Amino acid sequence: MSPTQTHLIIAYPSSDPTTGKPLNFNMPYYTGHHVALATKLWGPSGLKSWSVVEFANPNPFSGKTPPYLFQSTLIWEGSPEEVLKAVMDSGEVLGPDVVNFTDVEPVLWVAKPGASGIVGE
């Protein structure tokens, strides 16, 4: 039986949902420090890969600001419960670091793999 794979999606809203203040986001700090710290902490708990995307603003299809400007996808070998435990166990270290790269609280989703494919094969 193969291990369970869980995806943790962390999305950063374009603006603070309470105040409407636009998102501030320091990508060099996020990728250079925060993600490196998370990788060090979560690697032993099953984190296998990560990616970060920045959404076009304005969205070329609608001309509007998208609801989210940045998204991280973290792929884990393990159950959602194991991912949650790893995230909660690292909260004292990673939580206080968030203010160093953003002023808007992220939205987190846990997902299981659906379908995928490779074009041209």
PDB file of N, CA and C in Angstrom:
ATOM      1  N   MET A   1       0.844  -1.188   0.000  1.00  0.00           N
ATOM      2  CA  MET A   1       0.000   0.000   0.000  1.00  0.00           C
ATOM      3  C   MET A   1       0.885   1.246   0.000  1.00  0.00           C
ATOM      4  N   SER A   2       0.599   2.178  -0.898  1.00  0.00           N
ATOM      5  CA  SER A   2       1.403   3.387  -0.967  1.00  0.00           C
ATOM      6  C   SER A   2       0.958   4.377   0.104  1.00  0.00           C
ATOM      7  N   PRO A   3       1.881   5.229   0.540  1.00  0.00           N
ATOM      8  CA  PRO A   3       1.522   6.213   1.562  1.00  0.00           C
ATOM      9  C   PRO A   3       0.494   7.214   1.030  1.00  0.00           C
ATOM     10  N   THR A   4      -0.246   7.790   1.929  1.00  0.00           N
ATOM     11  CA  THR A   4      -1.223   8.819   1.582  1.00  0.00           C
ATOM     12  C   THR A   4      -0.486  10.099   1.209  1.00  0.00           C
ATOM     13  N   GLN A   5      -0.965  10.753   0.177  1.00  0.00           N
ATOM     14  CA  GLN A   5      -0.395  12.041  -0.196  1.00  0.00           C
ATOM     15  C   GLN A   5      -1.418  13.126   0.138  1.00  0.00           C
ATOM     16  N   THR A   6      -0.939  14.184   0.759  1.00  0.00           N
ATOM     17  CA  THR A   6      -1.793  15.308   1.133  1.00  0.00           C
ATOM     18  C   THR A   6      -1.171  16.590   0.618  1.00  0.00           C
ATOM     19  N   HIS A   7      -2.000  17.452   0.080  1.00  0.00           N
ATOM     20  CA  HIS A   7      -1.554  18.762  -0.374  1.00  0.00           C
ATOM     21  C   HIS A   7      -2.057  19.810   0.604  1.00  0.00           C
ATOM     22  N   LEU A   8      -1.175  20.702   1.001  1.00  0.00           N
ATOM     23  CA  LEU A   8      -1.543  21.841   1.830  1.00  0.00           C
ATOM     24  C   LEU A   8      -1.415  23.075   0.945  1.00  0.00           C
ATOM     25  N   ILE A   9      -2.529  23.767   0.748  1.00  0.00           N
ATOM     26  CA  ILE A   9      -2.537  24.971  -0.071  1.00  0.00           C
ATOM     27  C   ILE A   9      -2.652  26.170   0.868  1.00  0.00           C
ATOM     28  N   ILE A  10      -1.734  27.113   0.728  1.00  0.00           N
ATOM     29  CA  ILE A  10      -1.728  28.327   1.546  1.00  0.00           C
ATOM     30  C   ILE A  10      -1.875  29.494   0.574  1.00  0.00           C
ATOM     31  N   ALA A  11      -2.996  30.205   0.674  1.00  0.00           N
ATOM     32  CA  ALA A  11      -3.287  31.297  -0.258  1.00  0.00           C
ATOM     33  C   ALA A  11      -3.329  32.620   0.495  1.00  0.00           C
ATOM     34  N   TYR A  12      -2.768  33.633  -0.120  1.00  0.00           N
ATOM     35  CA  TYR A  12      -2.690  34.967   0.482  1.00  0.00           C
ATOM     36  C   TYR A  12      -3.665  35.898  -0.230  1.00  0.00           C
ATOM     37  N   PRO A  13      -4.738  36.331   0.487  1.00  0.00           N
ATOM     38  CA  PRO A  13      -5.751  37.202  -0.126  1.00  0.00           C
ATOM     39  C   PRO A  13      -5.149  38.510  -0.636  1.00  0.00           C
ATOM     40  N   SER A  14      -5.789  39.054  -1.660  1.00  0.00           N
ATOM     41  CA  SER A  14      -5.355  40.317  -2.258  1.00  0.00           C
ATOM     42  C   SER A  14      -5.468  41.478  -1.279  1.00  0.00           C
ATOM     43  N   SER A  15      -6.400  41.342  -0.334  1.00  0.00           N
ATOM     44  CA  SER A  15      -6.583  42.397   0.663  1.00  0.00           C
ATOM     45  C   SER A  15      -7.081  41.781   1.953  1.00  0.00           C
ATOM     46  N   ASP A  16      -6.904  42.515   3.030  1.00  0.00           N
ATOM     47  CA  ASP A  16      -7.366  42.070   4.337  1.00  0.00           C
ATOM     48  C   ASP A  16      -8.891  41.991   4.304  1.00  0.00           C
ATOM     49  N   PRO A  17      -9.478  40.830   4.635  1.00  0.00           N
ATOM     50  CA  PRO A  17     -10.925  40.689   4.548  1.00  0.00           C
ATOM     51  C   PRO A  17     -11.694  41.589   5.516  1.00  0.00           C
ATOM     52  N   THR A  18     -11.044  42.052   6.567  1.00  0.00           N
ATOM     53  CA  THR A  18     -11.704  42.907   7.547  1.00  0.00           C
ATOM     54  C   THR A  18     -11.587  44.379   7.192  1.00  0.00           C
ATOM     55  N   THR A  19     -10.378  44.813   6.854  1.00  0.00           N
ATOM     56  CA  THR A  19     -10.142  46.243   6.632  1.00  0.00           C
ATOM     57  C   THR A  19     -10.151  46.640   5.157  1.00  0.00           C
ATOM     58  N   GLY A  20      -9.956  45.664   4.259  1.00  0.00           N
ATOM     59  CA  GLY A  20      -9.858  45.964   2.832  1.00  0.00           C
ATOM     60  C   GLY A  20      -8.497  46.488   2.417  1.00  0.00           C
ATOM     61  N   LYS A  21      -7.579  46.602   3.379  1.00  0.00           N
ATOM     62  CA  LYS A  21      -6.228  47.093   3.094  1.00  0.00           C
ATOM     63  C   LYS A  21      -5.524  46.120   2.132  1.00  0.00           C
ATOM     64  N   PRO A  22      -4.883  46.630   1.066  1.00  0.00           N
ATOM     65  CA  PRO A  22      -4.197  45.757   0.105  1.00  0.00           C
ATOM     66  C   PRO A  22      -3.085  44.938   0.766  1.00  0.00           C
ATOM     67  N   LEU A  23      -2.892  43.753   0.232  1.00  0.00           N
ATOM     68  CA  LEU A  23      -1.860  42.839   0.707  1.00  0.00           C
ATOM     69  C   LEU A  23      -0.471  43.419   0.492  1.00  0.00           C
ATOM     70  N   ASN A  24       0.362  43.338   1.506  1.00  0.00           N
ATOM     71  CA  ASN A  24       1.804  43.554   1.376  1.00  0.00           C
ATOM     72  C   ASN A  24       2.446  42.180   1.480  1.00  0.00           C
ATOM     73  N   PHE A  25       3.363  41.875   0.572  1.00  0.00           N
ATOM     74  CA  PHE A  25       3.973  40.546   0.558  1.00  0.00           C
ATOM     75  C   PHE A  25       5.414  40.673   0.108  1.00  0.00           C
ATOM     76  N   ASN A  26       6.339  40.171   0.915  1.00  0.00           N
ATOM     77  CA  ASN A  26       7.761  40.231   0.615  1.00  0.00           C
ATOM     78  C   ASN A  26       8.205  38.853   0.098  1.00  0.00           C
ATOM     79  N   MET A  27       8.145  38.682  -1.221  1.00  0.00           N
ATOM     80  CA  MET A  27       8.468  37.392  -1.829  1.00  0.00           C
ATOM     81  C   MET A  27       9.908  36.950  -1.562  1.00  0.00           C
ATOM     82  N   PRO A  28      10.925  37.834  -1.670  1.00  0.00           N
ATOM     83  CA  PRO A  28      12.284  37.369  -1.383  1.00  0.00           C
ATOM     84  C   PRO A  28      12.433  36.825   0.046  1.00  0.00           C
ATOM     85  N   TYR A  29      11.812  37.482   1.011  1.00  0.00           N
ATOM     86  CA  TYR A  29      11.895  36.980   2.385  1.00  0.00           C
ATOM     87  C   TYR A  29      11.151  35.652   2.499  1.00  0.00           C
ATOM     88  N   TYR A  30       9.971  35.591   1.899  1.00  0.00           N
ATOM     89  CA  TYR A  30       9.148  34.380   1.988  1.00  0.00           C
ATOM     90  C   TYR A  30       9.891  33.167   1.443  1.00  0.00           C
ATOM     91  N   THR A  31      10.417  33.290   0.211  1.00  0.00           N
ATOM     92  CA  THR A  31      11.082  32.135  -0.395  1.00  0.00           C
ATOM     93  C   THR A  31      12.486  31.911   0.162  1.00  0.00           C
ATOM     94  N   GLY A  32      13.155  32.982   0.544  1.00  0.00           N
ATOM     95  CA  GLY A  32      14.522  32.855   1.021  1.00  0.00           C
ATOM     96  C   GLY A  32      14.657  32.452   2.481  1.00  0.00           C
ATOM     97  N   HIS A  33      13.665  32.793   3.297  1.00  0.00           N
ATOM     98  CA  HIS A  33      13.768  32.496   4.721  1.00  0.00           C
ATOM     99  C   HIS A  33      12.608  31.632   5.227  1.00  0.00           C
ATOM    100  N   HIS A  34      11.391  32.102   5.054  1.00  0.00           N
ATOM    101  CA  HIS A  34      10.251  31.405   5.657  1.00  0.00           C
ATOM    102  C   HIS A  34      10.074  29.992   5.091  1.00  0.00           C
ATOM    103  N   VAL A  35      10.108  29.873   3.769  1.00  0.00           N
ATOM    104  CA  VAL A  35       9.947  28.547   3.165  1.00  0.00           C
ATOM    105  C   VAL A  35      11.112  27.642   3.546  1.00  0.00           C
ATOM    106  N   ALA A  36      12.305  28.191   3.599  1.00  0.00           N
ATOM    107  CA  ALA A  36      13.469  27.390   4.004  1.00  0.00           C
ATOM    108  C   ALA A  36      13.305  26.885   5.433  1.00  0.00           C
ATOM    109  N   LEU A  37      12.802  27.730   6.314  1.00  0.00           N
ATOM    110  CA  LEU A  37      12.564  27.331   7.700  1.00  0.00           C
ATOM    111  C   LEU A  37      11.478  26.259   7.768  1.00  0.00           C
ATOM    112  N   ALA A  38      10.386  26.445   7.027  1.00  0.00           N
ATOM    113  CA  ALA A  38       9.307  25.456   7.003  1.00  0.00           C
ATOM    114  C   ALA A  38       9.803  24.118   6.461  1.00  0.00           C
ATOM    115  N   THR A  39      10.617  24.176   5.419  1.00  0.00           N
ATOM    116  CA  THR A  39      11.168  22.952   4.839  1.00  0.00           C
ATOM    117  C   THR A  39      12.016  22.198   5.855  1.00  0.00           C
ATOM    118  N   LYS A  40      12.826  22.922   6.592  1.00  0.00           N
ATOM    119  CA  LYS A  40      13.675  22.302   7.616  1.00  0.00           C
ATOM    120  C   LYS A  40      12.817  21.658   8.705  1.00  0.00           C
ATOM    121  N   LEU A  41      11.759  22.354   9.120  1.00  0.00           N
ATOM    122  CA  LEU A  41      10.903  21.829  10.184  1.00  0.00           C
ATOM    123  C   LEU A  41       9.997  20.700   9.707  1.00  0.00           C
ATOM    124  N   TRP A  42       9.465  20.821   8.502  1.00  0.00           N
ATOM    125  CA  TRP A  42       8.462  19.867   8.030  1.00  0.00           C
ATOM    126  C   TRP A  42       9.020  18.708   7.223  1.00  0.00           C
ATOM    127  N   GLY A  43      10.247  18.821   6.719  1.00  0.00           N
ATOM    128  CA  GLY A  43      10.836  17.723   5.952  1.00  0.00           C
ATOM    129  C   GLY A  43      10.806  16.404   6.704  1.00  0.00           C
ATOM    130  N   PRO A  44      11.229  16.368   7.969  1.00  0.00           N
ATOM    131  CA  PRO A  44      11.189  15.109   8.717  1.00  0.00           C
ATOM    132  C   PRO A  44       9.779  14.574   8.955  1.00  0.00           C
ATOM    133  N   SER A  45       8.775  15.442   8.785  1.00  0.00           N
ATOM    134  CA  SER A  45       7.384  15.020   9.000  1.00  0.00           C
ATOM    135  C   SER A  45       6.682  14.620   7.709  1.00  0.00           C
ATOM    136  N   GLY A  46       7.408  14.616   6.589  1.00  0.00           N
ATOM    137  CA  GLY A  46       6.827  14.122   5.349  1.00  0.00           C
ATOM    138  C   GLY A  46       6.664  15.128   4.233  1.00  0.00           C
ATOM    139  N   LEU A  47       7.092  16.394   4.426  1.00  0.00           N
ATOM    140  CA  LEU A  47       7.013  17.360   3.339  1.00  0.00           C
ATOM    141  C   LEU A  47       7.963  16.926   2.221  1.00  0.00           C
ATOM    142  N   LYS A  48       7.434  16.799   1.001  1.00  0.00           N
ATOM    143  CA  LYS A  48       8.236  16.321  -0.121  1.00  0.00           C
ATOM    144  C   LYS A  48       8.567  17.405  -1.137  1.00  0.00           C
ATOM    145  N   SER A  49       7.666  18.360  -1.331  1.00  0.00           N
ATOM    146  CA  SER A  49       7.942  19.426  -2.300  1.00  0.00           C
ATOM    147  C   SER A  49       7.055  20.624  -2.004  1.00  0.00           C
ATOM    148  N   TRP A  50       7.452  21.757  -2.604  1.00  0.00           N
ATOM    149  CA  TRP A  50       6.668  22.983  -2.455  1.00  0.00           C
ATOM    150  C   TRP A  50       6.797  23.804  -3.717  1.00  0.00           C
ATOM    151  N   SER A  51       5.803  24.642  -3.953  1.00  0.00           N
ATOM    152  CA  SER A  51       5.865  25.601  -5.049  1.00  0.00           C
ATOM    153  C   SER A  51       5.101  26.851  -4.634  1.00  0.00           C
ATOM    154  N   VAL A  52       5.494  27.971  -5.219  1.00  0.00           N
ATOM    155  CA  VAL A  52       4.835  29.244  -4.954  1.00  0.00           C
ATOM    156  C   VAL A  52       4.483  29.851  -6.302  1.00  0.00           C
ATOM    157  N   VAL A  53       3.247  30.350  -6.424  1.00  0.00           N
ATOM    158  CA  VAL A  53       2.850  31.061  -7.641  1.00  0.00           C
ATOM    159  C   VAL A  53       2.344  32.445  -7.261  1.00  0.00           C
ATOM    160  N   GLU A  54       2.562  33.393  -8.164  1.00  0.00           N
ATOM    161  CA  GLU A  54       2.044  34.748  -8.013  1.00  0.00           C
ATOM    162  C   GLU A  54       1.036  34.962  -9.140  1.00  0.00           C
ATOM    163  N   PHE A  55      -0.185  35.334  -8.780  1.00  0.00           N
ATOM    164  CA  PHE A  55      -1.234  35.533  -9.775  1.00  0.00           C
ATOM    165  C   PHE A  55      -1.106  36.906 -10.425  1.00  0.00           C
ATOM    166  N   ALA A  56      -1.370  36.961 -11.720  1.00  0.00           N
ATOM    167  CA  ALA A  56      -1.299  38.212 -12.470  1.00  0.00           C
ATOM    168  C   ALA A  56      -2.312  39.209 -11.915  1.00  0.00           C
ATOM    169  N   ASN A  57      -1.837  40.442 -11.726  1.00  0.00           N
ATOM    170  CA  ASN A  57      -2.700  41.499 -11.212  1.00  0.00           C
ATOM    171  C   ASN A  57      -2.493  42.752 -12.054  1.00  0.00           C
ATOM    172  N   PRO A  58      -3.486  43.126 -12.844  1.00  0.00           N
ATOM    173  CA  PRO A  58      -4.833  42.576 -12.886  1.00  0.00           C
ATOM    174  C   PRO A  58      -4.882  41.260 -13.660  1.00  0.00           C
ATOM    175  N   ASN A  59      -5.922  40.488 -13.393  1.00  0.00           N
ATOM    176  CA  ASN A  59      -6.144  39.237 -14.102  1.00  0.00           C
ATOM    177  C   ASN A  59      -6.356  39.569 -15.582  1.00  0.00           C
ATOM    178  N   PRO A  60      -5.579  38.967 -16.488  1.00  0.00           N
ATOM    179  CA  PRO A  60      -5.693  39.316 -17.903  1.00  0.00           C
ATOM    180  C   PRO A  60      -7.043  38.950 -18.526  1.00  0.00           C
ATOM    181  N   PHE A  61      -7.780  38.051 -17.908  1.00  0.00           N
ATOM    182  CA  PHE A  61      -9.079  37.660 -18.453  1.00  0.00           C
ATOM    183  C   PHE A  61     -10.193  38.597 -18.003  1.00  0.00           C
ATOM    184  N   SER A  62     -10.136  39.039 -16.751  1.00  0.00           N
ATOM    185  CA  SER A  62     -11.220  39.876 -16.221  1.00  0.00           C
ATOM    186  C   SER A  62     -10.837  41.349 -16.081  1.00  0.00           C
ATOM    187  N   GLY A  63      -9.531  41.636 -16.028  1.00  0.00           N
ATOM    188  CA  GLY A  63      -9.085  43.004 -15.788  1.00  0.00           C
ATOM    189  C   GLY A  63      -9.180  43.415 -14.328  1.00  0.00           C
ATOM    190  N   LYS A  64      -9.573  42.492 -13.460  1.00  0.00           N
ATOM    191  CA  LYS A  64      -9.754  42.798 -12.039  1.00  0.00           C
ATOM    192  C   LYS A  64      -8.632  42.183 -11.204  1.00  0.00           C
ATOM    193  N   THR A  65      -8.482  42.698  -9.993  1.00  0.00           N
ATOM    194  CA  THR A  65      -7.546  42.098  -9.046  1.00  0.00           C
ATOM    195  C   THR A  65      -8.090  40.733  -8.636  1.00  0.00           C
ATOM    196  N   PRO A  66      -7.271  39.681  -8.713  1.00  0.00           N
ATOM    197  CA  PRO A  66      -7.759  38.360  -8.315  1.00  0.00           C
ATOM    198  C   PRO A  66      -7.985  38.308  -6.799  1.00  0.00           C
ATOM    199  N   PRO A  67      -8.807  37.377  -6.317  1.00  0.00           N
ATOM    200  CA  PRO A  67      -9.066  37.300  -4.879  1.00  0.00           C
ATOM    201  C   PRO A  67      -7.824  36.926  -4.061  1.00  0.00           C
ATOM    202  N   TYR A  68      -6.877  36.245  -4.695  1.00  0.00           N
ATOM    203  CA  TYR A  68      -5.624  35.868  -4.039  1.00  0.00           C
ATOM    204  C   TYR A  68      -4.477  36.304  -4.935  1.00  0.00           C
ATOM    205  N   LEU A  69      -3.367  36.744  -4.327  1.00  0.00           N
ATOM    206  CA  LEU A  69      -2.215  37.170  -5.124  1.00  0.00           C
ATOM    207  C   LEU A  69      -1.072  36.165  -5.110  1.00  0.00           C
ATOM    208  N   PHE A  70      -0.966  35.372  -4.042  1.00  0.00           N
ATOM    209  CA  PHE A  70       0.100  34.375  -3.933  1.00  0.00           C
ATOM    210  C   PHE A  70      -0.498  33.086  -3.409  1.00  0.00           C
ATOM    211  N   GLN A  71       0.074  31.969  -3.855  1.00  0.00           N
ATOM    212  CA  GLN A  71      -0.356  30.670  -3.358  1.00  0.00           C
ATOM    213  C   GLN A  71       0.844  29.751  -3.256  1.00  0.00           C
ATOM    214  N   SER A  72       0.936  29.070  -2.134  1.00  0.00           N
ATOM    215  CA  SER A  72       1.944  28.028  -1.946  1.00  0.00           C
ATOM    216  C   SER A  72       1.239  26.688  -1.930  1.00  0.00           C
ATOM    217  N   THR A  73       1.829  25.715  -2.598  1.00  0.00           N
ATOM    218  CA  THR A  73       1.322  24.350  -2.559  1.00  0.00           C
ATOM    219  C   THR A  73       2.430  23.476  -2.002  1.00  0.00           C
ATOM    220  N   LEU A  74       2.113  22.791  -0.926  1.00  0.00           N
ATOM    221  CA  LEU A  74       3.074  21.902  -0.271  1.00  0.00           C
ATOM    222  C   LEU A  74       2.552  20.478  -0.380  1.00  0.00           C
ATOM    223  N   ILE A  75       3.388  19.587  -0.874  1.00  0.00           N
ATOM    224  CA  ILE A  75       2.978  18.195  -1.066  1.00  0.00           C
ATOM    225  C   ILE A  75       3.682  17.336  -0.031  1.00  0.00           C
ATOM    226  N   TRP A  76       2.875  16.586   0.699  1.00  0.00           N
ATOM    227  CA  TRP A  76       3.325  15.761   1.821  1.00  0.00           C
ATOM    228  C   TRP A  76       3.043  14.296   1.559  1.00  0.00           C
ATOM    229  N   GLU A  77       3.887  13.440   2.064  1.00  0.00           N
ATOM    230  CA  GLU A  77       3.575  12.021   2.183  1.00  0.00           C
ATOM    231  C   GLU A  77       3.041  11.868   3.601  1.00  0.00           C
ATOM    232  N   GLY A  78       1.770  11.605   3.701  1.00  0.00           N
ATOM    233  CA  GLY A  78       1.137  11.462   5.002  1.00  0.00           C
ATOM    234  C   GLY A  78      -0.319  11.876   4.931  1.00  0.00           C
ATOM    235  N   SER A  79      -1.037  11.549   5.972  1.00  0.00           N
ATOM    236  CA  SER A  79      -2.468  11.836   6.055  1.00  0.00           C
ATOM    237  C   SER A  79      -2.693  13.311   6.408  1.00  0.00           C
ATOM    238  N   PRO A  80      -3.898  13.810   6.187  1.00  0.00           N
ATOM    239  CA  PRO A  80      -4.203  15.171   6.624  1.00  0.00           C
ATOM    240  C   PRO A  80      -3.951  15.367   8.127  1.00  0.00           C
ATOM    241  N   GLU A  81      -4.220  14.358   8.910  1.00  0.00           N
ATOM    242  CA  GLU A  81      -3.985  14.453  10.359  1.00  0.00           C
ATOM    243  C   GLU A  81      -2.500  14.597  10.677  1.00  0.00           C
ATOM    244  N   GLU A  82      -1.652  13.888   9.932  1.00  0.00           N
ATOM    245  CA  GLU A  82      -0.204  14.001  10.135  1.00  0.00           C
ATOM    246  C   GLU A  82       0.306  15.384   9.716  1.00  0.00           C
ATOM    247  N   VAL A  83      -0.256  15.913   8.625  1.00  0.00           N
ATOM    248  CA  VAL A  83       0.125  17.255   8.171  1.00  0.00           C
ATOM    249  C   VAL A  83      -0.299  18.284   9.219  1.00  0.00           C
ATOM    250  N   LEU A  84      -1.526  18.178   9.699  1.00  0.00           N
ATOM    251  CA  LEU A  84      -2.017  19.106  10.716  1.00  0.00           C
ATOM    252  C   LEU A  84      -1.135  19.065  11.959  1.00  0.00           C
ATOM    253  N   LYS A  85      -0.744  17.883  12.383  1.00  0.00           N
ATOM    254  CA  LYS A  85       0.114  17.767  13.563  1.00  0.00           C
ATOM    255  C   LYS A  85       1.450  18.466  13.336  1.00  0.00           C
ATOM    256  N   ALA A  86       2.053  18.249  12.167  1.00  0.00           N
ATOM    257  CA  ALA A  86       3.338  18.888  11.864  1.00  0.00           C
ATOM    258  C   ALA A  86       3.207  20.404  11.848  1.00  0.00           C
ATOM    259  N   VAL A  87       2.136  20.903  11.242  1.00  0.00           N
ATOM    260  CA  VAL A  87       1.921  22.350  11.168  1.00  0.00           C
ATOM    261  C   VAL A  87       1.707  22.919  12.563  1.00  0.00           C
ATOM    262  N   MET A  88       0.884  22.282  13.355  1.00  0.00           N
ATOM    263  CA  MET A  88       0.602  22.766  14.710  1.00  0.00           C
ATOM    264  C   MET A  88       1.857  22.701  15.585  1.00  0.00           C
ATOM    265  N   ASP A  89       2.638  21.646  15.445  1.00  0.00           N
ATOM    266  CA  ASP A  89       3.857  21.495  16.248  1.00  0.00           C
ATOM    267  C   ASP A  89       4.899  22.568  15.950  1.00  0.00           C
ATOM    268  N   SER A  90       4.836  23.167  14.760  1.00  0.00           N
ATOM    269  CA  SER A  90       5.824  24.179  14.375  1.00  0.00           C
ATOM    270  C   SER A  90       5.296  25.604  14.538  1.00  0.00           C
ATOM    271  N   GLY A  91       4.090  25.737  15.039  1.00  0.00           N
ATOM    272  CA  GLY A  91       3.450  27.044  15.131  1.00  0.00           C
ATOM    273  C   GLY A  91       4.218  28.083  15.923  1.00  0.00           C
ATOM    274  N   GLU A  92       4.885  27.662  16.986  1.00  0.00           N
ATOM    275  CA  GLU A  92       5.637  28.622  17.810  1.00  0.00           C
ATOM    276  C   GLU A  92       6.834  29.203  17.065  1.00  0.00           C
ATOM    277  N   VAL A  93       7.334  28.478  16.082  1.00  0.00           N
ATOM    278  CA  VAL A  93       8.489  28.954  15.308  1.00  0.00           C
ATOM    279  C   VAL A  93       8.028  29.705  14.058  1.00  0.00           C
ATOM    280  N   LEU A  94       7.125  29.098  13.287  1.00  0.00           N
ATOM    281  CA  LEU A  94       6.715  29.696  12.015  1.00  0.00           C
ATOM    282  C   LEU A  94       5.690  30.824  12.181  1.00  0.00           C
ATOM    283  N   GLY A  95       4.799  30.695  13.132  1.00  0.00           N
ATOM    284  CA  GLY A  95       3.753  31.696  13.326  1.00  0.00           C
ATOM    285  C   GLY A  95       4.278  33.117  13.478  1.00  0.00           C
ATOM    286  N   PRO A  96       5.201  33.350  14.405  1.00  0.00           N
ATOM    287  CA  PRO A  96       5.714  34.713  14.585  1.00  0.00           C
ATOM    288  C   PRO A  96       6.488  35.255  13.381  1.00  0.00           C
ATOM    289  N   ASP A  97       6.948  34.380  12.491  1.00  0.00           N
ATOM    290  CA  ASP A  97       7.718  34.825  11.327  1.00  0.00           C
ATOM    291  C   ASP A  97       6.830  35.408  10.226  1.00  0.00           C
ATOM    292  N   VAL A  98       5.535  35.120  10.251  1.00  0.00           N
ATOM    293  CA  VAL A  98       4.629  35.562   9.187  1.00  0.00           C
ATOM    294  C   VAL A  98       4.646  37.080   9.033  1.00  0.00           C
ATOM    295  N   VAL A  99       4.718  37.816  10.126  1.00  0.00           N
ATOM    296  CA  VAL A  99       4.706  39.284  10.048  1.00  0.00           C
ATOM    297  C   VAL A  99       5.926  39.838   9.314  1.00  0.00           C
ATOM    298  N   ASN A 100       6.942  39.020   9.113  1.00  0.00           N
ATOM    299  CA  ASN A 100       8.134  39.466   8.391  1.00  0.00           C
ATOM    300  C   ASN A 100       7.947  39.480   6.873  1.00  0.00           C
ATOM    301  N   PHE A 101       6.860  38.861   6.365  1.00  0.00           N
ATOM    302  CA  PHE A 101       6.659  38.865   4.916  1.00  0.00           C
ATOM    303  C   PHE A 101       5.264  39.265   4.472  1.00  0.00           C
ATOM    304  N   THR A 102       4.288  39.311   5.384  1.00  0.00           N
ATOM    305  CA  THR A 102       2.947  39.737   4.975  1.00  0.00           C
ATOM    306  C   THR A 102       2.187  40.330   6.140  1.00  0.00           C
ATOM    307  N   ASP A 103       1.162  41.115   5.796  1.00  0.00           N
ATOM    308  CA  ASP A 103       0.307  41.707   6.819  1.00  0.00           C
ATOM    309  C   ASP A 103      -1.133  41.206   6.699  1.00  0.00           C
ATOM    310  N   VAL A 104      -1.353  40.180   5.873  1.00  0.00           N
ATOM    311  CA  VAL A 104      -2.681  39.605   5.705  1.00  0.00           C
ATOM    312  C   VAL A 104      -2.613  38.127   6.059  1.00  0.00           C
ATOM    313  N   GLU A 105      -3.566  37.661   6.855  1.00  0.00           N
ATOM    314  CA  GLU A 105      -3.599  36.260   7.275  1.00  0.00           C
ATOM    315  C   GLU A 105      -3.934  35.356   6.089  1.00  0.00           C
ATOM    316  N   PRO A 106      -3.160  34.293   5.883  1.00  0.00           N
ATOM    317  CA  PRO A 106      -3.430  33.392   4.764  1.00  0.00           C
ATOM    318  C   PRO A 106      -4.644  32.503   5.031  1.00  0.00           C
ATOM    319  N   VAL A 107      -5.138  31.933   3.946  1.00  0.00           N
ATOM    320  CA  VAL A 107      -6.210  30.941   4.003  1.00  0.00           C
ATOM    321  C   VAL A 107      -5.568  29.601   3.681  1.00  0.00           C
ATOM    322  N   LEU A 108      -5.873  28.572   4.472  1.00  0.00           N
ATOM    323  CA  LEU A 108      -5.276  27.251   4.267  1.00  0.00           C
ATOM    324  C   LEU A 108      -6.343  26.238   3.887  1.00  0.00           C
ATOM    325  N   TRP A 109      -5.998  25.390   2.922  1.00  0.00           N
ATOM    326  CA  TRP A 109      -6.852  24.285   2.527  1.00  0.00           C
ATOM    327  C   TRP A 109      -6.013  23.009   2.537  1.00  0.00           C
ATOM    328  N   VAL A 110      -6.644  21.904   2.874  1.00  0.00           N
ATOM    329  CA  VAL A 110      -6.019  20.595   2.776  1.00  0.00           C
ATOM    330  C   VAL A 110      -6.744  19.846   1.663  1.00  0.00           C
ATOM    331  N   ALA A 111      -5.986  19.235   0.773  1.00  0.00           N
ATOM    332  CA  ALA A 111      -6.582  18.563  -0.377  1.00  0.00           C
ATOM    333  C   ALA A 111      -5.916  17.216  -0.601  1.00  0.00           C
ATOM    334  N   LYS A 112      -6.650  16.319  -1.217  1.00  0.00           N
ATOM    335  CA  LYS A 112      -6.062  15.063  -1.659  1.00  0.00           C
ATOM    336  C   LYS A 112      -5.899  15.143  -3.166  1.00  0.00           C
ATOM    337  N   PRO A 113      -4.923  14.458  -3.713  1.00  0.00           N
ATOM    338  CA  PRO A 113      -4.698  14.522  -5.157  1.00  0.00           C
ATOM    339  C   PRO A 113      -5.938  14.056  -5.919  1.00  0.00           C
ATOM    340  N   GLY A 114      -6.216  14.758  -7.009  1.00  0.00           N
ATOM    341  CA  GLY A 114      -7.318  14.379  -7.889  1.00  0.00           C
ATOM    342  C   GLY A 114      -6.742  13.740  -9.136  1.00  0.00           C
ATOM    343  N   ALA A 115      -6.910  14.390 -10.247  1.00  0.00           N
ATOM    344  CA  ALA A 115      -6.409  13.879 -11.525  1.00  0.00           C
ATOM    345  C   ALA A 115      -5.315  14.822 -12.052  1.00  0.00           C
ATOM    346  N   SER A 116      -4.436  14.293 -12.856  1.00  0.00           N
ATOM    347  CA  SER A 116      -3.420  15.094 -13.522  1.00  0.00           C
ATOM    348  C   SER A 116      -2.975  14.357 -14.776  1.00  0.00           C
ATOM    349  N   GLY A 117      -2.250  15.035 -15.602  1.00  0.00           N
ATOM    350  CA  GLY A 117      -1.749  14.411 -16.808  1.00  0.00           C
ATOM    351  C   GLY A 117      -0.599  15.199 -17.383  1.00  0.00           C
ATOM    352  N   ILE A 118       0.075  14.616 -18.328  1.00  0.00           N
ATOM    353  CA  ILE A 118       1.181  15.267 -19.019  1.00  0.00           C
ATOM    354  C   ILE A 118       0.787  15.349 -20.496  1.00  0.00           C
ATOM    355  N   VAL A 119       0.834  16.539 -21.041  1.00  0.00           N
ATOM    356  CA  VAL A 119       0.441  16.753 -22.432  1.00  0.00           C
ATOM    357  C   VAL A 119       1.569  16.284 -23.343  1.00  0.00           C
ATOM    358  N   GLY A 120       1.194  15.604 -24.384  1.00  0.00           N
ATOM    359  CA  GLY A 120       2.161  15.178 -25.386  1.00  0.00           C
ATOM    360  C   GLY A 120       2.742  13.795 -25.155  1.00  0.00           C
ATOM    361  N   GLU A 121       2.276  13.110 -24.161  1.00  0.00           N
ATOM    362  CA  GLU A 121       2.801  11.740 -23.952  1.00  0.00           C
ATOM    363  C   GLU A 121       1.729  10.716 -24.168  1.00  0.00           C
TER     364      GLU A 121
END
